[in-house]
């Protein structure tokens, strides 16, 4: 049996889709009970792998749902961006020095 000739084709949902994993698990548990039949030859194994793969892919398709795209917000005014930049610089300076004067200036920033 060779592993290099993989039959698994990845058809995962797009990035804007999520998977309900609890529903996916229930779908597969209903389809496959705890015990799987004993397979004797390689063709039975191959056919079972094909069947399980297609069942997993169909379960993913049934259990995935679309997520609304986050709308891009308007850019912040430059005055606010400058305040954010100053506060980040002060925070980094305080984290490195732990100076009480820098901390009081940082806390005074809005």
C-alpha atoms as a PDB file:
ATOM      1  CA  UNK A   1       0.000   0.000   0.000  1.00  0.00           C
ATOM      2  CA  UNK A   2       1.431   3.391  -0.972  1.00  0.00           C
ATOM      3  CA  UNK A   3       0.783   6.639   0.821  1.00  0.00           C
ATOM      4  CA  UNK A   4       2.132   8.927  -1.890  1.00  0.00           C
ATOM      5  CA  UNK A   5      -0.930   8.478  -4.120  1.00  0.00           C
ATOM      6  CA  UNK A   6      -3.217  10.388  -1.799  1.00  0.00           C
ATOM      7  CA  UNK A   7      -6.910  10.361  -2.602  1.00  0.00           C
ATOM      8  CA  UNK A   8      -7.816  13.064  -0.130  1.00  0.00           C
ATOM      9  CA  UNK A   9      -8.740  16.311  -1.821  1.00  0.00           C
ATOM     10  CA  UNK A  10      -9.002  19.298   0.447  1.00  0.00           C
ATOM     11  CA  UNK A  11     -12.219  21.209  -0.250  1.00  0.00           C
ATOM     12  CA  UNK A  12     -12.461  23.172   2.955  1.00  0.00           C
ATOM     13  CA  UNK A  13     -14.873  26.074   3.138  1.00  0.00           C
ATOM     14  CA  UNK A  14     -13.700  29.513   2.107  1.00  0.00           C
ATOM     15  CA  UNK A  15     -12.125  31.842   4.660  1.00  0.00           C
ATOM     16  CA  UNK A  16     -15.429  33.651   5.240  1.00  0.00           C
ATOM     17  CA  UNK A  17     -17.085  30.394   6.345  1.00  0.00           C
ATOM     18  CA  UNK A  18     -17.030  28.732   9.746  1.00  0.00           C
ATOM     19  CA  UNK A  19     -17.682  25.104  10.678  1.00  0.00           C
ATOM     20  CA  UNK A  20     -20.050  24.069  13.431  1.00  0.00           C
ATOM     21  CA  UNK A  21     -17.821  21.348  14.886  1.00  0.00           C
ATOM     22  CA  UNK A  22     -20.466  19.963  17.260  1.00  0.00           C
ATOM     23  CA  UNK A  23     -22.876  19.464  14.355  1.00  0.00           C
ATOM     24  CA  UNK A  24     -20.037  17.984  12.270  1.00  0.00           C
ATOM     25  CA  UNK A  25     -19.199  15.495  15.030  1.00  0.00           C
ATOM     26  CA  UNK A  26     -22.848  14.466  15.403  1.00  0.00           C
ATOM     27  CA  UNK A  27     -23.191  13.996  11.641  1.00  0.00           C
ATOM     28  CA  UNK A  28     -20.199  11.661  11.555  1.00  0.00           C
ATOM     29  CA  UNK A  29     -21.217   9.787  14.712  1.00  0.00           C
ATOM     30  CA  UNK A  30     -24.647   9.094  13.219  1.00  0.00           C
ATOM     31  CA  UNK A  31     -23.007   7.820  10.048  1.00  0.00           C
ATOM     32  CA  UNK A  32     -20.293   5.762  11.755  1.00  0.00           C
ATOM     33  CA  UNK A  33     -20.984   3.961  15.013  1.00  0.00           C
ATOM     34  CA  UNK A  34     -18.148   3.189  17.433  1.00  0.00           C
ATOM     35  CA  UNK A  35     -17.105  -0.036  15.720  1.00  0.00           C
ATOM     36  CA  UNK A  36     -16.090  -0.256  12.069  1.00  0.00           C
ATOM     37  CA  UNK A  37     -16.295  -3.516  10.107  1.00  0.00           C
ATOM     38  CA  UNK A  38     -13.092  -5.495   9.686  1.00  0.00           C
ATOM     39  CA  UNK A  39     -11.520  -5.054   6.286  1.00  0.00           C
ATOM     40  CA  UNK A  40      -9.538  -7.898   4.794  1.00  0.00           C
ATOM     41  CA  UNK A  41      -7.941  -6.770   1.546  1.00  0.00           C
ATOM     42  CA  UNK A  42      -6.544  -3.559   0.102  1.00  0.00           C
ATOM     43  CA  UNK A  43      -9.476  -2.907  -2.245  1.00  0.00           C
ATOM     44  CA  UNK A  44     -11.917  -2.942   0.695  1.00  0.00           C
ATOM     45  CA  UNK A  45      -9.646  -0.555   2.571  1.00  0.00           C
ATOM     46  CA  UNK A  46      -9.388   1.712  -0.472  1.00  0.00           C
ATOM     47  CA  UNK A  47     -13.171   1.751  -0.982  1.00  0.00           C
ATOM     48  CA  UNK A  48     -13.766   2.439   2.728  1.00  0.00           C
ATOM     49  CA  UNK A  49     -11.254   5.307   2.655  1.00  0.00           C
ATOM     50  CA  UNK A  50     -13.033   6.793  -0.361  1.00  0.00           C
ATOM     51  CA  UNK A  51     -16.388   6.483   1.400  1.00  0.00           C
ATOM     52  CA  UNK A  52     -15.154   8.015   4.663  1.00  0.00           C
ATOM     53  CA  UNK A  53     -13.430  10.846   2.790  1.00  0.00           C
ATOM     54  CA  UNK A  54     -16.556  11.713   0.835  1.00  0.00           C
ATOM     55  CA  UNK A  55     -18.641  11.532   4.033  1.00  0.00           C
ATOM     56  CA  UNK A  56     -16.255  13.912   5.811  1.00  0.00           C
ATOM     57  CA  UNK A  57     -16.338  16.330   2.888  1.00  0.00           C
ATOM     58  CA  UNK A  58     -20.136  16.273   2.705  1.00  0.00           C
ATOM     59  CA  UNK A  59     -20.383  16.739   6.496  1.00  0.00           C
ATOM     60  CA  UNK A  60     -18.090  19.770   6.262  1.00  0.00           C
ATOM     61  CA  UNK A  61     -20.234  21.170   3.460  1.00  0.00           C
ATOM     62  CA  UNK A  62     -23.430  20.644   5.491  1.00  0.00           C
ATOM     63  CA  UNK A  63     -22.005  22.003   8.757  1.00  0.00           C
ATOM     64  CA  UNK A  64     -20.335  25.133   7.434  1.00  0.00           C
ATOM     65  CA  UNK A  65     -21.988  28.520   7.431  1.00  0.00           C
ATOM     66  CA  UNK A  66     -21.130  31.951   6.063  1.00  0.00           C
ATOM     67  CA  UNK A  67     -19.889  34.742   8.248  1.00  0.00           C
ATOM     68  CA  UNK A  68     -20.667  38.326   7.368  1.00  0.00           C
ATOM     69  CA  UNK A  69     -17.671  40.289   6.256  1.00  0.00           C
ATOM     70  CA  UNK A  70     -16.543  42.954   8.677  1.00  0.00           C
ATOM     71  CA  UNK A  71     -17.078  46.339   7.145  1.00  0.00           C
ATOM     72  CA  UNK A  72     -13.998  48.487   6.896  1.00  0.00           C
ATOM     73  CA  UNK A  73     -14.309  51.457   9.173  1.00  0.00           C
ATOM     74  CA  UNK A  74     -13.298  54.955   8.277  1.00  0.00           C
ATOM     75  CA  UNK A  75      -9.675  55.835   8.994  1.00  0.00           C
ATOM     76  CA  UNK A  76      -8.996  57.710  12.206  1.00  0.00           C
ATOM     77  CA  UNK A  77      -8.175  61.403  12.062  1.00  0.00           C
ATOM     78  CA  UNK A  78      -4.469  62.190  12.075  1.00  0.00           C
ATOM     79  CA  UNK A  79      -4.777  63.975  15.426  1.00  0.00           C
ATOM     80  CA  UNK A  80      -6.039  60.773  17.058  1.00  0.00           C
ATOM     81  CA  UNK A  81      -3.385  58.674  15.320  1.00  0.00           C
ATOM     82  CA  UNK A  82      -0.691  60.979  16.685  1.00  0.00           C
ATOM     83  CA  UNK A  83      -2.076  60.605  20.222  1.00  0.00           C
ATOM     84  CA  UNK A  84      -2.116  56.820  19.850  1.00  0.00           C
ATOM     85  CA  UNK A  85       1.469  56.856  18.594  1.00  0.00           C
ATOM     86  CA  UNK A  86       2.632  59.033  21.504  1.00  0.00           C
ATOM     87  CA  UNK A  87       0.881  56.797  24.016  1.00  0.00           C
ATOM     88  CA  UNK A  88       2.461  53.670  22.507  1.00  0.00           C
ATOM     89  CA  UNK A  89       5.910  55.256  22.643  1.00  0.00           C
ATOM     90  CA  UNK A  90       5.396  56.280  26.273  1.00  0.00           C
ATOM     91  CA  UNK A  91       4.117  52.800  27.181  1.00  0.00           C
ATOM     92  CA  UNK A  92       7.141  51.149  25.598  1.00  0.00           C
ATOM     93  CA  UNK A  93       9.468  53.602  27.352  1.00  0.00           C
ATOM     94  CA  UNK A  94       7.781  52.923  30.690  1.00  0.00           C
ATOM     95  CA  UNK A  95       7.956  49.147  30.186  1.00  0.00           C
ATOM     96  CA  UNK A  96      11.692  49.408  29.624  1.00  0.00           C
ATOM     97  CA  UNK A  97      12.509  51.907  32.368  1.00  0.00           C
ATOM     98  CA  UNK A  98       9.668  51.576  34.935  1.00  0.00           C
ATOM     99  CA  UNK A  99      10.232  55.233  35.687  1.00  0.00           C
ATOM    100  CA  UNK A 100       7.488  56.838  37.841  1.00  0.00           C
ATOM    101  CA  UNK A 101       7.722  60.105  35.895  1.00  0.00           C
ATOM    102  CA  UNK A 102       7.175  58.343  32.594  1.00  0.00           C
ATOM    103  CA  UNK A 103       4.289  56.405  34.116  1.00  0.00           C
ATOM    104  CA  UNK A 104       2.589  59.590  35.295  1.00  0.00           C
ATOM    105  CA  UNK A 105       2.984  61.147  31.830  1.00  0.00           C
ATOM    106  CA  UNK A 106       1.613  57.953  30.277  1.00  0.00           C
ATOM    107  CA  UNK A 107      -1.386  57.949  32.612  1.00  0.00           C
ATOM    108  CA  UNK A 108      -2.070  61.614  31.798  1.00  0.00           C
ATOM    109  CA  UNK A 109      -2.394  60.816  28.083  1.00  0.00           C
ATOM    110  CA  UNK A 110      -5.905  60.420  26.714  1.00  0.00           C
END
